[in-house]
Structure formats: structure tokens, C-alpha cells
Amino acid sequence: MRIAVINETSAADRNADILAALEGRGHTIINAGMVRNGAKPELTYIHTGLYAAMLLNLGRVDFVVGGCGTGQGFLNAVMQYPGVVCGHILNSLDAWLFAQINGGNCISLALNQGYGWAADVNLRFIFDRLFSVEPGGGYPPHRRESQQESRRILASVSAATHRPFAEIIALLPDSVIKPVLEFPGAAALIDVDSIADADLRAALRQRMM
């Protein structure tokens, strides 16, 4: 699995803890966000929400680990976009249930609030459980079919209630999209020339000019 770790500015100092907790699990880890608090250029959760959604919608990654001080800001930001199913994960039980019931492609961590003694251990426990079960398998087992149908319905709702991603890119204000497109490493990761969707490719090229 290709996993992007996208820290925003207030939680940048937790980047190393997240990387360490993900280590040795056989996944390809792409460290795409901020690695030090206060560094420039700066990404807030507004920017990391877009960045995460962009990488998921482009198929550049399969999963995003994000978050912010409380986890609520990133959660709300990333869920404004189509093709994203994000969970607010505080502990290993949250992770285990989210993976089985919601089968999402993104999590939001609380990386300042309550981040104290053994918080790095809690991160490892979260990832232990997050990747231990079949995504969307359903829990409890007798609810499996109902929950899988709900996931399909929710995906269709998301598609019906959001603009196409090319339109989103064209309409976003510079204050939201420019910091993402100009962030170190973002252009190479997005790789506009290889995007199959002609409208999205054109929209991104226009914004990068």
C-alpha cells in the first residue's frame, strides 16, 4: 500500500513519531507534508486537506495519514472533497472499527490534544489495528452485508454531491491551492503530465502557471 503522511504546521513536530510507528509494515511511505513546526512554506489543515484529497483522487496514494492539533480541522477539511472517506482516530479501537466498518482511505489523528506520555506507543497500536483487518469487511459479522451496501451508497452520495475534481481545482482561491502546488515535492508527486483525466490535467496546468 502507498501511504502518504501529510502533517500540517501545528502537528509538524509529530511527523517523526508517525513515520516511526509506520516503519516495518511493508508499505511504501511518502512523507509529503511538514516535518518541522514553523518551517516555511507553511501548510495549515486547510492546505493538507486539499493535498490529501488531491493525491487520493489522482491515485498517487492509496491511503493518507493526516491530522492536526485535535484532528477535527483536518477531518473537516479533507471531507469537503469527493473520493475521501476519513475517520477521526484517537486509539486502536477507533482504528480497528473504522477499518472494518467504514473501510476508509484516510485518517485524522489528534497530534497535540492529549498527546502526552506514551503517545508514540499509541500511534503504533493504532496502526497495528488499522492494518490488521480486511478494509470494509464489516463488524459485527452479521452486519457485514448491510455495512458494505452502506459504503457503496455513501460513495454514490459523495459523487452526486461534489463537483468534479477538475472544477474544484479551477475554482479554489489561490490562498488554498497555491501553497499546496508550490510545496516542496508536490509537483513531482502530482506529476501533472501523467494525469489521464484531460480536464483535470488542464486545470492543474493552468493553476501551476
Protein backbone atom coordinates (compact mmCIF):
# COMPACT_ATOMS: atom_id res chain seq x y z
CA MET A 1 0.00 0.00 0.00
CA ARG A 2 1.19 3.53 -0.79
CA ILE A 3 0.62 5.69 2.28
CA ALA A 4 1.08 9.47 2.33
CA VAL A 5 1.89 11.10 5.66
CA ILE A 6 0.76 14.73 5.46
CA ASN A 7 1.42 16.79 8.58
CA GLU A 8 0.16 20.35 8.89
CA THR A 9 2.03 23.11 10.66
CA SER A 10 0.81 22.74 14.25
CA ALA A 11 1.46 18.99 14.20
CA ALA A 12 4.65 19.02 12.15
CA ASP A 13 6.82 18.03 15.11
CA ARG A 14 4.91 14.73 15.35
CA ASN A 15 6.00 13.73 11.85
CA ALA A 16 8.91 11.61 13.05
CA ASP A 17 6.67 9.74 15.52
CA ILE A 18 4.21 8.85 12.73
CA LEU A 19 6.98 7.64 10.43
CA ALA A 20 8.48 5.51 13.21
CA ALA A 21 5.07 3.98 14.02
CA LEU A 22 4.55 3.06 10.34
CA GLU A 23 8.02 1.58 9.91
CA GLY A 24 8.45 -2.11 9.15
CA ARG A 25 4.91 -2.81 7.96
CA GLY A 26 5.76 -3.40 4.30
CA HIS A 27 4.08 -0.25 2.99
CA THR A 28 5.54 2.44 0.76
CA ILE A 29 5.56 5.61 2.87
CA ILE A 30 5.51 9.02 1.17
CA ASN A 31 6.34 11.80 3.62
CA ALA A 32 4.54 14.61 1.80
CA GLY A 33 3.75 17.24 4.43
CA MET A 34 5.51 19.38 7.00
CA VAL A 35 8.33 17.91 9.06
CA ARG A 36 9.07 20.80 11.43
CA ASN A 37 6.76 23.24 13.18
CA GLY A 38 7.09 26.81 11.93
CA ALA A 39 9.08 25.86 8.82
CA LYS A 40 8.36 27.75 5.60
CA PRO A 41 6.45 27.32 3.38
CA GLU A 42 3.68 26.50 5.83
CA LEU A 43 0.69 24.23 5.34
CA THR A 44 -2.34 24.56 7.60
CA TYR A 45 -5.03 21.89 7.82
CA ILE A 46 -6.89 23.77 5.06
CA HIS A 47 -3.98 23.02 2.72
CA THR A 48 -3.28 19.48 3.90
CA GLY A 49 -6.96 18.59 3.41
CA LEU A 50 -6.72 19.59 -0.24
CA TYR A 51 -3.31 17.93 -0.63
CA ALA A 52 -4.60 14.64 0.77
CA ALA A 53 -7.72 14.69 -1.40
CA MET A 54 -5.68 15.53 -4.48
CA LEU A 55 -3.29 12.61 -4.00
CA LEU A 56 -6.18 10.20 -3.37
CA ASN A 57 -8.23 11.41 -6.35
CA LEU A 58 -5.20 11.24 -8.65
CA GLY A 59 -4.47 7.70 -7.50
CA ARG A 60 -0.96 8.70 -6.38
CA VAL A 61 -1.53 7.05 -2.98
CA ASP A 62 -3.92 4.50 -1.55
CA PHE A 63 -4.17 5.93 1.94
CA VAL A 64 -3.42 9.17 3.78
CA VAL A 65 -2.40 9.63 7.40
CA GLY A 66 -3.15 13.22 8.35
CA GLY A 67 -4.31 15.16 11.35
CA CYS A 68 -3.82 18.39 13.25
CA GLY A 69 -3.88 19.56 16.86
CA THR A 70 -7.25 17.97 17.65
CA GLY A 71 -7.77 16.00 14.44
CA GLN A 72 -11.05 17.83 13.83
CA GLY A 73 -9.74 20.53 11.48
CA PHE A 74 -8.08 18.14 9.05
CA LEU A 75 -11.09 15.82 9.21
CA ASN A 76 -13.46 18.61 8.21
CA ALA A 77 -11.12 19.99 5.55
CA VAL A 78 -10.46 16.71 3.75
CA MET A 79 -14.12 15.66 3.81
CA GLN A 80 -15.04 18.67 1.67
CA TYR A 81 -13.70 16.76 -1.34
CA PRO A 82 -15.01 13.78 -3.31
CA GLY A 83 -13.48 10.33 -3.09
CA VAL A 84 -12.38 10.66 0.53
CA VAL A 85 -13.60 8.60 3.50
CA CYS A 86 -11.81 9.84 6.61
CA GLY A 87 -12.01 8.72 10.23
CA HIS A 88 -11.13 10.65 13.39
CA ILE A 89 -8.88 8.15 15.15
CA LEU A 90 -7.86 8.55 18.79
CA ASN A 91 -6.99 4.99 19.77
CA SER A 92 -6.55 1.47 18.47
CA LEU A 93 -10.22 0.52 18.88
CA ASP A 94 -11.23 3.52 16.75
CA ALA A 95 -8.78 2.33 14.10
CA TRP A 96 -9.97 -1.29 14.19
CA LEU A 97 -13.64 -0.37 13.88
CA PHE A 98 -13.06 2.31 11.23
CA ALA A 99 -11.13 -0.12 9.04
CA GLN A 100 -13.79 -2.83 9.26
CA ILE A 101 -16.97 -0.76 9.17
CA ASN A 102 -16.07 2.26 7.06
CA GLY A 103 -13.16 0.88 5.04
CA GLY A 104 -11.88 4.43 4.51
CA ASN A 105 -8.82 5.75 2.74
CA CYS A 106 -7.74 8.45 5.19
CA ILE A 107 -7.40 9.01 8.92
CA SER A 108 -7.12 12.15 11.02
CA LEU A 109 -5.07 11.99 14.19
CA ALA A 110 -5.14 14.27 17.23
CA LEU A 111 -1.47 15.23 17.39
CA ASN A 112 -1.42 17.88 20.11
CA GLN A 113 -4.53 17.48 22.27
CA GLY A 114 -3.88 14.64 24.70
CA TYR A 115 -0.52 13.90 23.08
CA GLY A 116 1.45 13.05 26.17
CA TRP A 117 3.28 10.17 27.79
CA ALA A 118 3.40 7.04 25.53
CA ALA A 119 1.66 8.88 22.67
CA ASP A 120 4.20 7.37 20.26
CA VAL A 121 3.22 3.92 21.56
CA ASN A 122 -0.45 4.76 20.98
CA LEU A 123 0.40 5.57 17.34
CA ARG A 124 1.93 2.13 16.89
CA PHE A 125 -1.11 0.50 18.45
CA ILE A 126 -3.37 2.50 16.11
CA PHE A 127 -1.50 1.30 13.03
CA ASP A 128 -1.35 -2.26 14.37
CA ARG A 129 -5.13 -2.39 14.42
CA LEU A 130 -5.80 -0.21 11.37
CA PHE A 131 -3.97 -2.61 9.07
CA SER A 132 -4.90 -5.84 10.84
CA VAL A 133 -8.30 -6.46 9.24
CA GLU A 134 -9.92 -6.52 5.82
CA PRO A 135 -10.99 -2.94 4.95
CA GLY A 136 -14.77 -2.74 4.87
CA GLY A 137 -15.16 -6.34 5.99
CA GLY A 138 -17.89 -5.37 8.45
CA TYR A 139 -18.33 -5.66 12.20
CA PRO A 140 -20.06 -7.40 13.83
CA PRO A 141 -20.10 -10.17 11.21
CA HIS A 142 -23.89 -10.33 10.95
CA ARG A 143 -23.87 -6.66 9.80
CA ARG A 144 -21.32 -7.31 7.04
CA GLU A 145 -23.62 -7.12 4.01
CA SER A 146 -25.55 -4.10 5.31
CA GLN A 147 -22.38 -2.17 6.05
CA GLN A 148 -20.85 -2.97 2.68
CA GLU A 149 -24.01 -1.73 0.97
CA SER A 150 -23.88 1.45 3.06
CA ARG A 151 -20.28 2.05 1.90
CA ARG A 152 -21.38 1.74 -1.74
CA ILE A 153 -24.30 4.11 -1.19
CA LEU A 154 -22.09 6.65 0.56
CA ALA A 155 -19.65 6.59 -2.37
CA SER A 156 -22.51 7.34 -4.77
CA VAL A 157 -23.73 10.14 -2.49
CA SER A 158 -20.25 11.66 -2.50
CA ALA A 159 -20.10 11.52 -6.29
CA ALA A 160 -23.56 13.13 -6.60
CA THR A 161 -22.96 15.94 -4.12
CA HIS A 162 -19.49 17.09 -5.19
CA ARG A 163 -18.22 18.91 -8.24
CA PRO A 164 -15.78 17.03 -10.48
CA PHE A 165 -12.25 17.46 -9.16
CA ALA A 166 -11.18 19.45 -12.23
CA GLU A 167 -13.85 22.06 -11.42
CA ILE A 168 -12.74 22.17 -7.79
CA ILE A 169 -9.15 22.87 -8.81
CA ALA A 170 -10.27 25.62 -11.19
CA LEU A 171 -12.46 27.33 -8.59
CA LEU A 172 -10.33 27.19 -5.44
CA PRO A 173 -8.83 30.51 -4.29
CA ASP A 174 -5.09 30.98 -4.67
CA SER A 175 -4.70 31.10 -0.89
CA VAL A 176 -5.80 27.45 -0.70
CA ILE A 177 -4.27 25.87 -3.78
CA LYS A 178 -1.02 27.76 -4.32
CA PRO A 179 0.67 26.68 -1.06
CA VAL A 180 -0.05 23.06 -1.95
CA LEU A 181 1.10 23.20 -5.56
CA GLU A 182 4.24 25.12 -4.59
CA PHE A 183 5.12 22.97 -1.57
CA PRO A 184 8.48 21.16 -1.96
CA GLY A 185 8.00 17.81 -3.68
CA ALA A 186 4.32 18.35 -4.52
CA ALA A 187 4.78 18.95 -8.25
CA ALA A 188 6.78 15.74 -8.69
CA LEU A 189 4.28 13.74 -6.65
CA ILE A 190 1.29 15.13 -8.54
CA ASP A 191 3.08 14.65 -11.90
CA VAL A 192 0.59 16.62 -13.98
CA ASP A 193 1.77 15.31 -17.36
CA SER A 194 0.83 11.73 -16.43
CA ILE A 195 -2.76 12.53 -15.35
CA ALA A 196 -5.19 10.60 -17.55
CA ASP A 197 -8.17 12.93 -16.99
CA ALA A 198 -7.67 15.64 -19.62
CA ASP A 199 -9.84 18.20 -17.80
CA LEU A 200 -8.04 17.71 -14.50
CA ARG A 201 -4.67 17.80 -16.22
CA ALA A 202 -5.56 21.10 -17.91
CA ALA A 203 -6.94 22.61 -14.69
CA LEU A 204 -3.78 21.79 -12.76
CA ARG A 205 -1.53 23.06 -15.53
CA GLN A 206 -3.43 26.34 -15.52
CA ARG A 207 -3.07 26.73 -11.74
CA MET A 208 0.63 25.92 -11.87
CA MET A 209 1.37 28.68 -14.36
